[in-house]
Amino acid sequence: MLRRVVGSYPRQPSRGDRPPAGLDWDRWLGPAPERPYNFDVQQFRRPAAEALDHWVHGGGVLFASSGAASRHQFDRPMDLLERTFGARCLDLQTKEIAGRPKYELRALKPLDHLRAVHEKVASLDQLCHQERLEILPGAEVILTGSQGRPAGTLNRAERGTAIRLAALPAVSYAHEAIRPPYE
């Protein structure tokens, strides 16, 4: 049985964010009703983050990708899960959006190539978001960027495990799958 544990919600598009360079927002909308561009950051409510922290330390496994759990519902920095992940977000920038597989996703250029340090981890391209992580004591670095900076951690949090990547793995794998030649 699957149960939703996290109480996150999308930020309301009140002011509209600036679309990333290269994104023609009007073309992206197509025939859909006009609306402002909104980088839809899923933000945690503090009680949900506390529940996740307790769950991981009690034996759960948590995986998070670029920017996860670094802001709370009032769009302010949140440090509650830093010790759980063994990493702190120093900087997160949205450079592009993945878009539709046949169009925008194909045109994405990797921002960096993240290399596996750990034998059971796959290397992947960093697309769309560029994030810098600070590794906290006790965490194991599992990915590094081209300049040797940490880009992924594996952290044993009491009885549980938390994995944090400075990348969007699903976008990276989809990007790789649609690029020719299809080998």
C-alpha atoms as a PDB file:
ATOM      1  CA  MET A   1       0.000   0.000   0.000  1.00  0.00           C
ATOM      2  CA  LEU A   2       1.325   3.419  -0.953  1.00  0.00           C
ATOM      3  CA  ARG A   3       0.695   6.318   1.327  1.00  0.00           C
ATOM      4  CA  ARG A   4       1.473   9.961   0.779  1.00  0.00           C
ATOM      5  CA  VAL A   5       3.815  11.121   3.495  1.00  0.00           C
ATOM      6  CA  VAL A   6       4.919  14.527   2.296  1.00  0.00           C
ATOM      7  CA  GLY A   7       2.643  17.551   2.656  1.00  0.00           C
ATOM      8  CA  SER A   8       3.976  19.684  -0.155  1.00  0.00           C
ATOM      9  CA  TYR A   9       2.115  21.950  -2.504  1.00  0.00           C
ATOM     10  CA  PRO A  10       2.886  24.050  -5.564  1.00  0.00           C
ATOM     11  CA  ARG A  11       3.676  27.702  -5.115  1.00  0.00           C
ATOM     12  CA  GLN A  12       0.843  29.869  -6.391  1.00  0.00           C
ATOM     13  CA  PRO A  13       1.659  31.735  -9.642  1.00  0.00           C
ATOM     14  CA  SER A  14       0.872  35.167  -8.240  1.00  0.00           C
ATOM     15  CA  ARG A  15       3.567  37.268  -9.894  1.00  0.00           C
ATOM     16  CA  GLY A  16       4.897  34.983 -12.613  1.00  0.00           C
ATOM     17  CA  ASP A  17       8.529  34.002 -12.817  1.00  0.00           C
ATOM     18  CA  ARG A  18      10.882  34.946 -15.627  1.00  0.00           C
ATOM     19  CA  PRO A  19      11.075  32.074 -18.148  1.00  0.00           C
ATOM     20  CA  PRO A  20      14.571  30.618 -18.646  1.00  0.00           C
ATOM     21  CA  ALA A  21      16.605  31.894 -21.608  1.00  0.00           C
ATOM     22  CA  GLY A  22      15.642  30.091 -24.776  1.00  0.00           C
ATOM     23  CA  LEU A  23      12.083  29.272 -23.685  1.00  0.00           C
ATOM     24  CA  ASP A  24       9.400  30.868 -25.857  1.00  0.00           C
ATOM     25  CA  TRP A  25       6.629  30.855 -23.242  1.00  0.00           C
ATOM     26  CA  ASP A  26       3.880  31.832 -25.734  1.00  0.00           C
ATOM     27  CA  ARG A  27       4.875  28.992 -28.051  1.00  0.00           C
ATOM     28  CA  TRP A  28       5.071  26.596 -25.100  1.00  0.00           C
ATOM     29  CA  LEU A  29       1.495  27.494 -24.099  1.00  0.00           C
ATOM     30  CA  GLY A  30       0.230  26.996 -27.620  1.00  0.00           C
ATOM     31  CA  PRO A  31      -3.583  27.097 -27.688  1.00  0.00           C
ATOM     32  CA  ALA A  32      -3.854  26.846 -23.871  1.00  0.00           C
ATOM     33  CA  PRO A  33      -5.273  29.838 -21.967  1.00  0.00           C
ATOM     34  CA  GLU A  34      -2.754  32.588 -21.212  1.00  0.00           C
ATOM     35  CA  ARG A  35      -1.112  32.323 -17.781  1.00  0.00           C
ATOM     36  CA  PRO A  36       2.142  33.558 -16.260  1.00  0.00           C
ATOM     37  CA  TYR A  37       5.192  31.302 -16.316  1.00  0.00           C
ATOM     38  CA  ASN A  38       5.694  29.715 -12.895  1.00  0.00           C
ATOM     39  CA  PHE A  39       8.691  27.641 -11.880  1.00  0.00           C
ATOM     40  CA  ASP A  40       6.589  25.145  -9.941  1.00  0.00           C
ATOM     41  CA  VAL A  41       8.771  24.492  -6.932  1.00  0.00           C
ATOM     42  CA  GLN A  42       7.310  21.873  -4.649  1.00  0.00           C
ATOM     43  CA  GLN A  43       7.920  23.294  -1.209  1.00  0.00           C
ATOM     44  CA  PHE A  44       7.632  21.495   2.091  1.00  0.00           C
ATOM     45  CA  ARG A  45       5.591  22.517   5.028  1.00  0.00           C
ATOM     46  CA  ARG A  46       7.769  22.285   8.119  1.00  0.00           C
ATOM     47  CA  PRO A  47       5.629  19.588   9.838  1.00  0.00           C
ATOM     48  CA  ALA A  48       5.964  17.374   6.745  1.00  0.00           C
ATOM     49  CA  ALA A  49       9.737  17.819   6.724  1.00  0.00           C
ATOM     50  CA  GLU A  50       9.866  16.942  10.428  1.00  0.00           C
ATOM     51  CA  ALA A  51       7.835  13.783   9.734  1.00  0.00           C
ATOM     52  CA  LEU A  52      10.198  12.795   6.913  1.00  0.00           C
ATOM     53  CA  ASP A  53      13.216  13.402   9.117  1.00  0.00           C
ATOM     54  CA  HIS A  54      11.736  11.189  11.846  1.00  0.00           C
ATOM     55  CA  TRP A  55      10.812   8.506   9.301  1.00  0.00           C
ATOM     56  CA  VAL A  56      14.321   8.337   7.794  1.00  0.00           C
ATOM     57  CA  HIS A  57      16.040   8.270  11.186  1.00  0.00           C
ATOM     58  CA  GLY A  58      13.660   5.464  12.164  1.00  0.00           C
ATOM     59  CA  GLY A  59      14.720   3.266   9.240  1.00  0.00           C
ATOM     60  CA  GLY A  60      13.196   4.781   6.106  1.00  0.00           C
ATOM     61  CA  VAL A  61      14.947   5.508   2.818  1.00  0.00           C
ATOM     62  CA  LEU A  62      14.604   8.921   1.215  1.00  0.00           C
ATOM     63  CA  PHE A  63      15.758  10.024  -2.254  1.00  0.00           C
ATOM     64  CA  ALA A  64      15.731  13.655  -3.320  1.00  0.00           C
ATOM     65  CA  SER A  65      16.829  15.459  -6.452  1.00  0.00           C
ATOM     66  CA  SER A  66      17.918  18.998  -7.269  1.00  0.00           C
ATOM     67  CA  GLY A  67      16.684  21.637  -4.828  1.00  0.00           C
ATOM     68  CA  ALA A  68      14.550  19.248  -2.790  1.00  0.00           C
ATOM     69  CA  ALA A  69      13.698  20.285   0.765  1.00  0.00           C
ATOM     70  CA  SER A  70      15.779  23.446   0.594  1.00  0.00           C
ATOM     71  CA  ARG A  71      12.803  25.852   0.907  1.00  0.00           C
ATOM     72  CA  HIS A  72       9.701  25.777   3.100  1.00  0.00           C
ATOM     73  CA  GLN A  73       6.127  26.856   2.437  1.00  0.00           C
ATOM     74  CA  PHE A  74       6.930  30.534   2.961  1.00  0.00           C
ATOM     75  CA  ASP A  75       9.642  30.357   0.260  1.00  0.00           C
ATOM     76  CA  ARG A  76      12.415  30.791   2.816  1.00  0.00           C
ATOM     77  CA  PRO A  77      15.490  28.592   3.237  1.00  0.00           C
ATOM     78  CA  MET A  78      14.865  25.453   5.276  1.00  0.00           C
ATOM     79  CA  ASP A  79      17.673  23.511   6.910  1.00  0.00           C
ATOM     80  CA  LEU A  80      15.656  20.802   8.660  1.00  0.00           C
ATOM     81  CA  LEU A  81      16.616  17.930   6.317  1.00  0.00           C
ATOM     82  CA  GLU A  82      20.242  18.963   5.786  1.00  0.00           C
ATOM     83  CA  ARG A  83      21.544  16.614   8.495  1.00  0.00           C
ATOM     84  CA  THR A  84      19.343  13.832   7.137  1.00  0.00           C
ATOM     85  CA  PHE A  85      20.742  14.211   3.606  1.00  0.00           C
ATOM     86  CA  GLY A  86      24.245  15.091   4.772  1.00  0.00           C
ATOM     87  CA  ALA A  87      24.208  18.000   2.318  1.00  0.00           C
ATOM     88  CA  ARG A  88      23.330  21.668   2.226  1.00  0.00           C
ATOM     89  CA  CYS A  89      22.165  23.520  -0.887  1.00  0.00           C
ATOM     90  CA  LEU A  90      24.516  26.472  -1.402  1.00  0.00           C
ATOM     91  CA  ASP A  91      23.101  27.677  -4.689  1.00  0.00           C
ATOM     92  CA  LEU A  92      20.309  26.548  -7.015  1.00  0.00           C
ATOM     93  CA  GLN A  93      19.681  28.113 -10.407  1.00  0.00           C
ATOM     94  CA  THR A  94      17.144  27.156 -13.037  1.00  0.00           C
ATOM     95  CA  LYS A  95      18.799  27.443 -16.442  1.00  0.00           C
ATOM     96  CA  GLU A  96      16.214  25.685 -18.640  1.00  0.00           C
ATOM     97  CA  ILE A  97      13.062  23.612 -18.367  1.00  0.00           C
ATOM     98  CA  ALA A  98      12.836  20.083 -19.716  1.00  0.00           C
ATOM     99  CA  GLY A  99       9.732  20.716 -21.777  1.00  0.00           C
ATOM    100  CA  ARG A 100       8.210  18.286 -24.230  1.00  0.00           C
ATOM    101  CA  PRO A 101      10.295  15.237 -25.217  1.00  0.00           C
ATOM    102  CA  LYS A 102      10.036  15.855 -28.983  1.00  0.00           C
ATOM    103  CA  TYR A 103      10.967  19.516 -28.786  1.00  0.00           C
ATOM    104  CA  GLU A 104      12.591  21.270 -25.820  1.00  0.00           C
ATOM    105  CA  LEU A 105      14.025  18.164 -24.121  1.00  0.00           C
ATOM    106  CA  ARG A 106      15.945  17.161 -27.273  1.00  0.00           C
ATOM    107  CA  ALA A 107      17.561  20.590 -27.512  1.00  0.00           C
ATOM    108  CA  LEU A 108      18.866  20.699 -23.941  1.00  0.00           C
ATOM    109  CA  LYS A 109      22.606  20.968 -23.520  1.00  0.00           C
ATOM    110  CA  PRO A 110      24.133  19.430 -20.383  1.00  0.00           C
ATOM    111  CA  LEU A 111      25.180  21.986 -17.780  1.00  0.00           C
ATOM    112  CA  ASP A 112      27.676  19.477 -16.377  1.00  0.00           C
ATOM    113  CA  HIS A 113      28.404  15.758 -16.430  1.00  0.00           C
ATOM    114  CA  LEU A 114      28.201  14.193 -12.976  1.00  0.00           C
ATOM    115  CA  ARG A 115      30.585  11.278 -12.503  1.00  0.00           C
ATOM    116  CA  ALA A 116      29.928   8.347 -10.223  1.00  0.00           C
ATOM    117  CA  VAL A 117      32.324   7.994  -7.308  1.00  0.00           C
ATOM    118  CA  HIS A 118      30.459   5.036  -5.856  1.00  0.00           C
ATOM    119  CA  GLU A 119      30.503   1.753  -7.836  1.00  0.00           C
ATOM    120  CA  LYS A 120      26.730   1.253  -7.596  1.00  0.00           C
ATOM    121  CA  VAL A 121      25.861   4.730  -8.881  1.00  0.00           C
ATOM    122  CA  ALA A 122      25.388   5.726 -12.529  1.00  0.00           C
ATOM    123  CA  SER A 123      26.926   8.862 -13.991  1.00  0.00           C
ATOM    124  CA  LEU A 124      24.459  11.344 -15.465  1.00  0.00           C
ATOM    125  CA  ASP A 125      24.157  14.757 -17.073  1.00  0.00           C
ATOM    126  CA  GLN A 126      23.061  17.734 -15.029  1.00  0.00           C
ATOM    127  CA  LEU A 127      20.227  19.362 -16.994  1.00  0.00           C
ATOM    128  CA  CYS A 128      17.896  22.296 -16.301  1.00  0.00           C
ATOM    129  CA  HIS A 129      19.067  23.094 -12.744  1.00  0.00           C
ATOM    130  CA  GLN A 130      22.549  23.939 -11.609  1.00  0.00           C
ATOM    131  CA  GLU A 131      23.063  23.311  -7.908  1.00  0.00           C
ATOM    132  CA  ARG A 132      26.058  23.428  -5.599  1.00  0.00           C
ATOM    133  CA  LEU A 133      26.076  21.226  -2.511  1.00  0.00           C
ATOM    134  CA  GLU A 134      28.097  21.481   0.670  1.00  0.00           C
ATOM    135  CA  ILE A 135      28.737  18.037   2.116  1.00  0.00           C
ATOM    136  CA  LEU A 136      28.237  17.714   5.853  1.00  0.00           C
ATOM    137  CA  PRO A 137      30.377  15.510   8.126  1.00  0.00           C
ATOM    138  CA  GLY A 138      29.549  11.811   7.908  1.00  0.00           C
ATOM    139  CA  ALA A 139      27.998  11.860   4.431  1.00  0.00           C
ATOM    140  CA  GLU A 140      29.545   9.895   1.576  1.00  0.00           C
ATOM    141  CA  VAL A 141      30.027  11.646  -1.774  1.00  0.00           C
ATOM    142  CA  ILE A 142      28.612   9.455  -4.584  1.00  0.00           C
ATOM    143  CA  LEU A 143      28.685  11.927  -7.523  1.00  0.00           C
ATOM    144  CA  THR A 144      31.025  14.750  -8.460  1.00  0.00           C
ATOM    145  CA  GLY A 145      30.824  17.435 -11.105  1.00  0.00           C
ATOM    146  CA  SER A 146      33.474  18.083 -13.755  1.00  0.00           C
ATOM    147  CA  GLN A 147      35.340  20.446 -11.409  1.00  0.00           C
ATOM    148  CA  GLY A 148      35.427  17.810  -8.664  1.00  0.00           C
ATOM    149  CA  ARG A 149      32.677  19.445  -6.603  1.00  0.00           C
ATOM    150  CA  PRO A 150      30.300  17.115  -4.731  1.00  0.00           C
ATOM    151  CA  ALA A 151      27.017  16.585  -6.603  1.00  0.00           C
ATOM    152  CA  GLY A 152      25.450  13.671  -4.741  1.00  0.00           C
ATOM    153  CA  THR A 153      25.475  12.174  -1.257  1.00  0.00           C
ATOM    154  CA  LEU A 154      24.595   8.958   0.484  1.00  0.00           C
ATOM    155  CA  ASN A 155      24.007   9.498   4.180  1.00  0.00           C
ATOM    156  CA  ARG A 156      23.256   6.955   6.889  1.00  0.00           C
ATOM    157  CA  ALA A 157      20.848   8.689   9.228  1.00  0.00           C
ATOM    158  CA  GLU A 158      20.664   6.489  12.323  1.00  0.00           C
ATOM    159  CA  ARG A 159      18.726   3.442  11.036  1.00  0.00           C
ATOM    160  CA  GLY A 160      17.756   4.976   7.670  1.00  0.00           C
ATOM    161  CA  THR A 161      19.403   6.171   4.492  1.00  0.00           C
ATOM    162  CA  ALA A 162      19.063   9.428   2.584  1.00  0.00           C
ATOM    163  CA  ILE A 163      20.330  10.088  -0.947  1.00  0.00           C
ATOM    164  CA  ARG A 164      20.569  13.632  -2.311  1.00  0.00           C
ATOM    165  CA  LEU A 165      21.520  14.519  -5.899  1.00  0.00           C
ATOM    166  CA  ALA A 166      22.229  17.936  -7.404  1.00  0.00           C
ATOM    167  CA  ALA A 167      20.518  16.790 -10.600  1.00  0.00           C
ATOM    168  CA  LEU A 168      17.198  15.647 -12.051  1.00  0.00           C
ATOM    169  CA  PRO A 169      17.808  11.958 -12.855  1.00  0.00           C
ATOM    170  CA  ALA A 170      14.500  11.351 -14.643  1.00  0.00           C
ATOM    171  CA  VAL A 171      15.134  14.289 -16.990  1.00  0.00           C
ATOM    172  CA  SER A 172      18.706  13.103 -17.584  1.00  0.00           C
ATOM    173  CA  TYR A 173      17.649   9.545 -18.407  1.00  0.00           C
ATOM    174  CA  ALA A 174      14.800  10.695 -20.679  1.00  0.00           C
ATOM    175  CA  HIS A 175      17.184  13.095 -22.439  1.00  0.00           C
ATOM    176  CA  GLU A 176      19.643  10.274 -23.041  1.00  0.00           C
ATOM    177  CA  ALA A 177      16.917   7.927 -24.291  1.00  0.00           C
ATOM    178  CA  ILE A 178      15.581  10.279 -26.988  1.00  0.00           C
ATOM    179  CA  ARG A 179      18.908  11.351 -28.463  1.00  0.00           C
ATOM    180  CA  PRO A 180      20.037   9.610 -31.636  1.00  0.00           C
ATOM    181  CA  PRO A 181      21.602   7.231 -32.296  1.00  0.00           C
ATOM    182  CA  TYR A 182      19.355   4.920 -30.330  1.00  0.00           C
ATOM    183  CA  GLU A 183      21.826   2.287 -29.184  1.00  0.00           C
END
